[in-house]
Amino acid sequence: MASFSVYRDSCPLVKNILLLDSEGKRVAVKYYSDEWATNAAKLAYEKSVFTKTQKTNARTEAEITMFDSNIVIYKFVQDLHFFVTGGDDENELILDAVLQGFYDAVTLLLRNKVDKSEALENLDLILLCLDEIVDRGMILETDGNVIASKVATSSVDPAAPLSEQTISQALALAREHLTRSLLS
């Protein structure tokens, strides 16, 4: 376990990834830091970072700001606001790569219909994206194509017990069974 700790201390870490709507409300969020210990603290952070950034024009490319001793990289698309937070000692380019990878993967999975309603309909895919990008704060992948591919090919094993399937896998399996029963 010591080698994991040394590696974790030397690699860039993400504190959270937020996907908020145009009113600053949660669509999908994932926290990897104990800095915000309670749900109230998390909601207050989300509201504060949204309020600080909402008047900027981060639609064409990502913007960066310092907020509460953290680096926040963000981008707005339609009625969605994408945020990645890292410590003030993290590399901004790496955090930007995480943001861009998340945005690219979501764009691919939502078939270029990046808006709140489409995101909510495909929330399971977005949450799987977050799991593919970061684990316990450590960056696993930043290539949007690779992330989307891993999420899209989370193949459904019909023999797997229902308890071991993700919600999206279980729903896909149920859809498949329903389609077969209707066609036969």
Protein backbone atom coordinates (compact mmCIF):
# COMPACT_ATOMS: atom_id res chain seq x y z
CA MET A 1 0.00 0.00 0.00
CA ALA A 2 2.98 2.30 0.53
CA SER A 3 3.79 2.36 -3.18
CA PHE A 4 0.19 3.38 -3.96
CA SER A 5 0.48 6.23 -1.46
CA VAL A 6 3.74 7.46 -3.00
CA TYR A 7 2.25 7.29 -6.50
CA ARG A 8 -0.91 9.06 -5.36
CA ASP A 9 1.16 11.85 -3.79
CA SER A 10 3.14 12.40 -6.98
CA CYS A 11 0.36 12.35 -9.58
CA PRO A 12 -2.12 15.15 -10.31
CA LEU A 13 -5.38 14.91 -8.39
CA VAL A 14 -8.88 16.11 -9.16
CA LYS A 15 -11.01 17.30 -6.24
CA ASN A 16 -14.33 17.20 -8.06
CA ILE A 17 -16.06 17.17 -11.42
CA LEU A 18 -19.33 19.07 -11.67
CA LEU A 19 -22.00 19.19 -14.34
CA LEU A 20 -24.52 21.89 -13.44
CA ASP A 21 -27.47 23.31 -15.32
CA SER A 22 -27.92 26.95 -16.34
CA GLU A 23 -29.39 27.74 -12.91
CA GLY A 24 -26.49 26.17 -11.00
CA LYS A 25 -28.39 23.03 -10.02
CA ARG A 26 -26.81 19.58 -10.10
CA VAL A 27 -27.04 17.39 -13.14
CA ALA A 28 -24.13 15.07 -12.26
CA VAL A 29 -21.39 15.65 -9.69
CA LYS A 30 -18.58 13.56 -8.25
CA TYR A 31 -16.37 14.59 -5.33
CA TYR A 32 -12.97 12.99 -4.72
CA SER A 33 -11.84 15.14 -1.78
CA ASP A 34 -12.94 15.33 1.84
CA GLU A 35 -12.66 19.12 1.63
CA TRP A 36 -16.45 19.28 1.35
CA ALA A 37 -17.50 16.80 4.03
CA THR A 38 -21.25 17.33 4.04
CA ASN A 39 -23.84 17.56 1.31
CA ALA A 40 -24.61 21.11 2.47
CA ALA A 41 -20.94 22.06 2.00
CA LYS A 42 -20.95 20.52 -1.48
CA LEU A 43 -24.11 22.39 -2.46
CA ALA A 44 -22.69 25.65 -1.10
CA TYR A 45 -19.48 25.13 -3.11
CA GLU A 46 -21.47 24.41 -6.28
CA LYS A 47 -23.59 27.52 -5.80
CA SER A 48 -20.53 29.68 -5.12
CA VAL A 49 -18.50 28.46 -8.08
CA PHE A 50 -21.53 28.79 -10.36
CA THR A 51 -22.21 32.35 -9.16
CA LYS A 52 -18.56 33.33 -9.64
CA THR A 53 -18.39 31.97 -13.20
CA GLN A 54 -21.87 32.52 -14.65
CA LYS A 55 -21.13 35.98 -16.07
CA THR A 56 -18.08 34.79 -18.03
CA ASN A 57 -18.15 33.70 -21.64
CA ALA A 58 -16.71 30.17 -21.44
CA ARG A 59 -18.58 28.90 -24.47
CA THR A 60 -15.89 28.81 -27.13
CA GLU A 61 -13.07 27.47 -24.96
CA ALA A 62 -12.44 26.57 -21.35
CA GLU A 63 -11.75 29.29 -18.79
CA ILE A 64 -9.75 29.12 -15.59
CA THR A 65 -10.22 30.79 -12.22
CA MET A 66 -8.88 30.54 -8.68
CA PHE A 67 -11.60 29.88 -6.14
CA ASP A 68 -11.15 29.11 -2.42
CA SER A 69 -7.50 28.07 -2.95
CA ASN A 70 -8.51 25.79 -5.81
CA ILE A 71 -8.05 25.92 -9.54
CA VAL A 72 -11.35 25.62 -11.39
CA ILE A 73 -11.44 24.93 -15.12
CA TYR A 74 -14.86 25.35 -16.69
CA LYS A 75 -16.76 25.41 -19.94
CA PHE A 76 -20.40 26.16 -20.83
CA VAL A 77 -22.33 24.35 -23.56
CA GLN A 78 -26.01 25.09 -24.20
CA ASP A 79 -27.63 24.95 -20.75
CA LEU A 80 -24.86 22.83 -19.16
CA HIS A 81 -21.86 24.04 -17.18
CA PHE A 82 -18.86 21.68 -16.93
CA PHE A 83 -16.36 22.20 -14.05
CA VAL A 84 -13.18 20.45 -12.91
CA THR A 85 -11.56 21.46 -9.61
CA GLY A 86 -8.00 20.78 -8.51
CA GLY A 87 -5.73 22.09 -5.79
CA ASP A 88 -3.89 25.36 -6.27
CA ASP A 89 -0.66 23.42 -6.92
CA GLU A 90 -2.10 21.31 -9.76
CA ASN A 91 -1.19 21.77 -13.41
CA GLU A 92 -3.90 23.72 -15.21
CA LEU A 93 -3.21 21.95 -18.51
CA ILE A 94 -3.82 18.55 -16.95
CA LEU A 95 -7.07 19.75 -15.36
CA ASP A 96 -8.07 21.20 -18.74
CA ALA A 97 -7.38 17.82 -20.36
CA VAL A 98 -9.73 16.20 -17.82
CA LEU A 99 -12.44 18.77 -18.58
CA GLN A 100 -12.01 18.39 -22.33
CA GLY A 101 -12.06 14.58 -22.09
CA PHE A 102 -15.27 14.69 -20.05
CA TYR A 103 -16.89 17.15 -22.46
CA ASP A 104 -15.79 15.16 -25.55
CA ALA A 105 -17.05 11.87 -24.10
CA VAL A 106 -20.42 13.39 -23.15
CA THR A 107 -20.72 14.95 -26.62
CA LEU A 108 -20.07 11.59 -28.28
CA LEU A 109 -22.42 9.65 -26.00
CA LEU A 110 -25.21 12.21 -26.38
CA ARG A 111 -24.68 12.27 -30.16
CA ASN A 112 -23.89 16.00 -30.21
CA LYS A 113 -27.15 16.87 -28.39
CA VAL A 114 -25.44 18.35 -25.34
CA ASP A 115 -28.23 19.89 -23.28
CA LYS A 116 -29.82 19.34 -19.89
CA SER A 117 -32.77 17.21 -21.01
CA GLU A 118 -30.56 14.88 -23.04
CA ALA A 119 -28.04 14.71 -20.18
CA LEU A 120 -30.76 13.76 -17.69
CA GLU A 121 -32.11 11.09 -20.03
CA ASN A 122 -28.61 9.60 -20.26
CA LEU A 123 -27.47 10.27 -16.70
CA ASP A 124 -26.24 6.70 -16.32
CA LEU A 125 -23.79 7.20 -19.21
CA ILE A 126 -22.55 10.49 -17.78
CA LEU A 127 -21.94 8.93 -14.37
CA LEU A 128 -20.08 6.06 -16.02
CA CYS A 129 -17.95 8.66 -17.83
CA LEU A 130 -16.99 10.17 -14.50
CA ASP A 131 -15.98 6.73 -13.23
CA GLU A 132 -13.82 6.15 -16.32
CA ILE A 133 -12.07 9.52 -16.01
CA VAL A 134 -11.17 9.70 -12.31
CA ASP A 135 -10.94 7.18 -9.49
CA ARG A 136 -10.47 8.48 -5.93
CA GLY A 137 -9.09 11.70 -7.38
CA MET A 138 -6.50 10.02 -9.61
CA ILE A 139 -6.83 10.70 -13.33
CA LEU A 140 -7.31 7.49 -15.30
CA GLU A 141 -8.16 8.74 -18.79
CA THR A 142 -8.50 12.06 -20.61
CA ASP A 143 -9.19 10.96 -24.19
CA GLY A 144 -12.90 11.51 -24.86
CA ASN A 145 -13.00 8.83 -27.57
CA VAL A 146 -11.53 6.21 -25.24
CA ILE A 147 -13.85 7.22 -22.39
CA ALA A 148 -16.96 7.11 -24.59
CA SER A 149 -15.88 3.80 -26.09
CA LYS A 150 -15.43 2.21 -22.66
CA VAL A 151 -18.82 3.49 -21.52
CA ALA A 152 -20.60 2.48 -24.74
CA THR A 153 -19.07 -1.00 -24.78
CA SER A 154 -19.92 -1.80 -21.19
CA SER A 155 -21.28 -4.99 -22.63
CA VAL A 156 -24.26 -6.62 -21.10
CA ASP A 157 -23.59 -10.16 -19.96
CA PRO A 158 -27.02 -11.80 -19.84
CA ALA A 159 -25.63 -14.50 -17.56
CA ALA A 160 -24.47 -12.01 -14.94
CA PRO A 161 -26.66 -11.76 -11.85
CA LEU A 162 -28.83 -8.65 -11.79
CA SER A 163 -27.07 -7.45 -8.63
CA GLU A 164 -23.74 -7.25 -10.51
CA GLN A 165 -25.08 -5.24 -13.44
CA THR A 166 -25.11 -1.49 -13.62
CA ILE A 167 -28.48 0.21 -13.94
CA SER A 168 -27.84 0.94 -17.61
CA GLN A 169 -26.89 -2.67 -18.27
CA ALA A 170 -30.01 -3.94 -16.51
CA LEU A 171 -32.20 -1.51 -18.48
CA ALA A 172 -30.54 -2.47 -21.75
CA LEU A 173 -31.12 -6.14 -20.99
CA ALA A 174 -34.77 -5.46 -20.11
CA ARG A 175 -35.23 -3.49 -23.36
CA GLU A 176 -33.68 -6.34 -25.33
CA HIS A 177 -36.01 -8.91 -23.74
CA LEU A 178 -39.04 -6.68 -24.32
CA THR A 179 -38.11 -6.16 -27.97
CA ARG A 180 -37.68 -9.90 -28.49
CA SER A 181 -41.01 -10.66 -26.87
CA LEU A 182 -42.79 -8.06 -29.00
CA LEU A 183 -41.22 -9.29 -32.23
CA SER A 184 -41.95 -12.98 -31.64
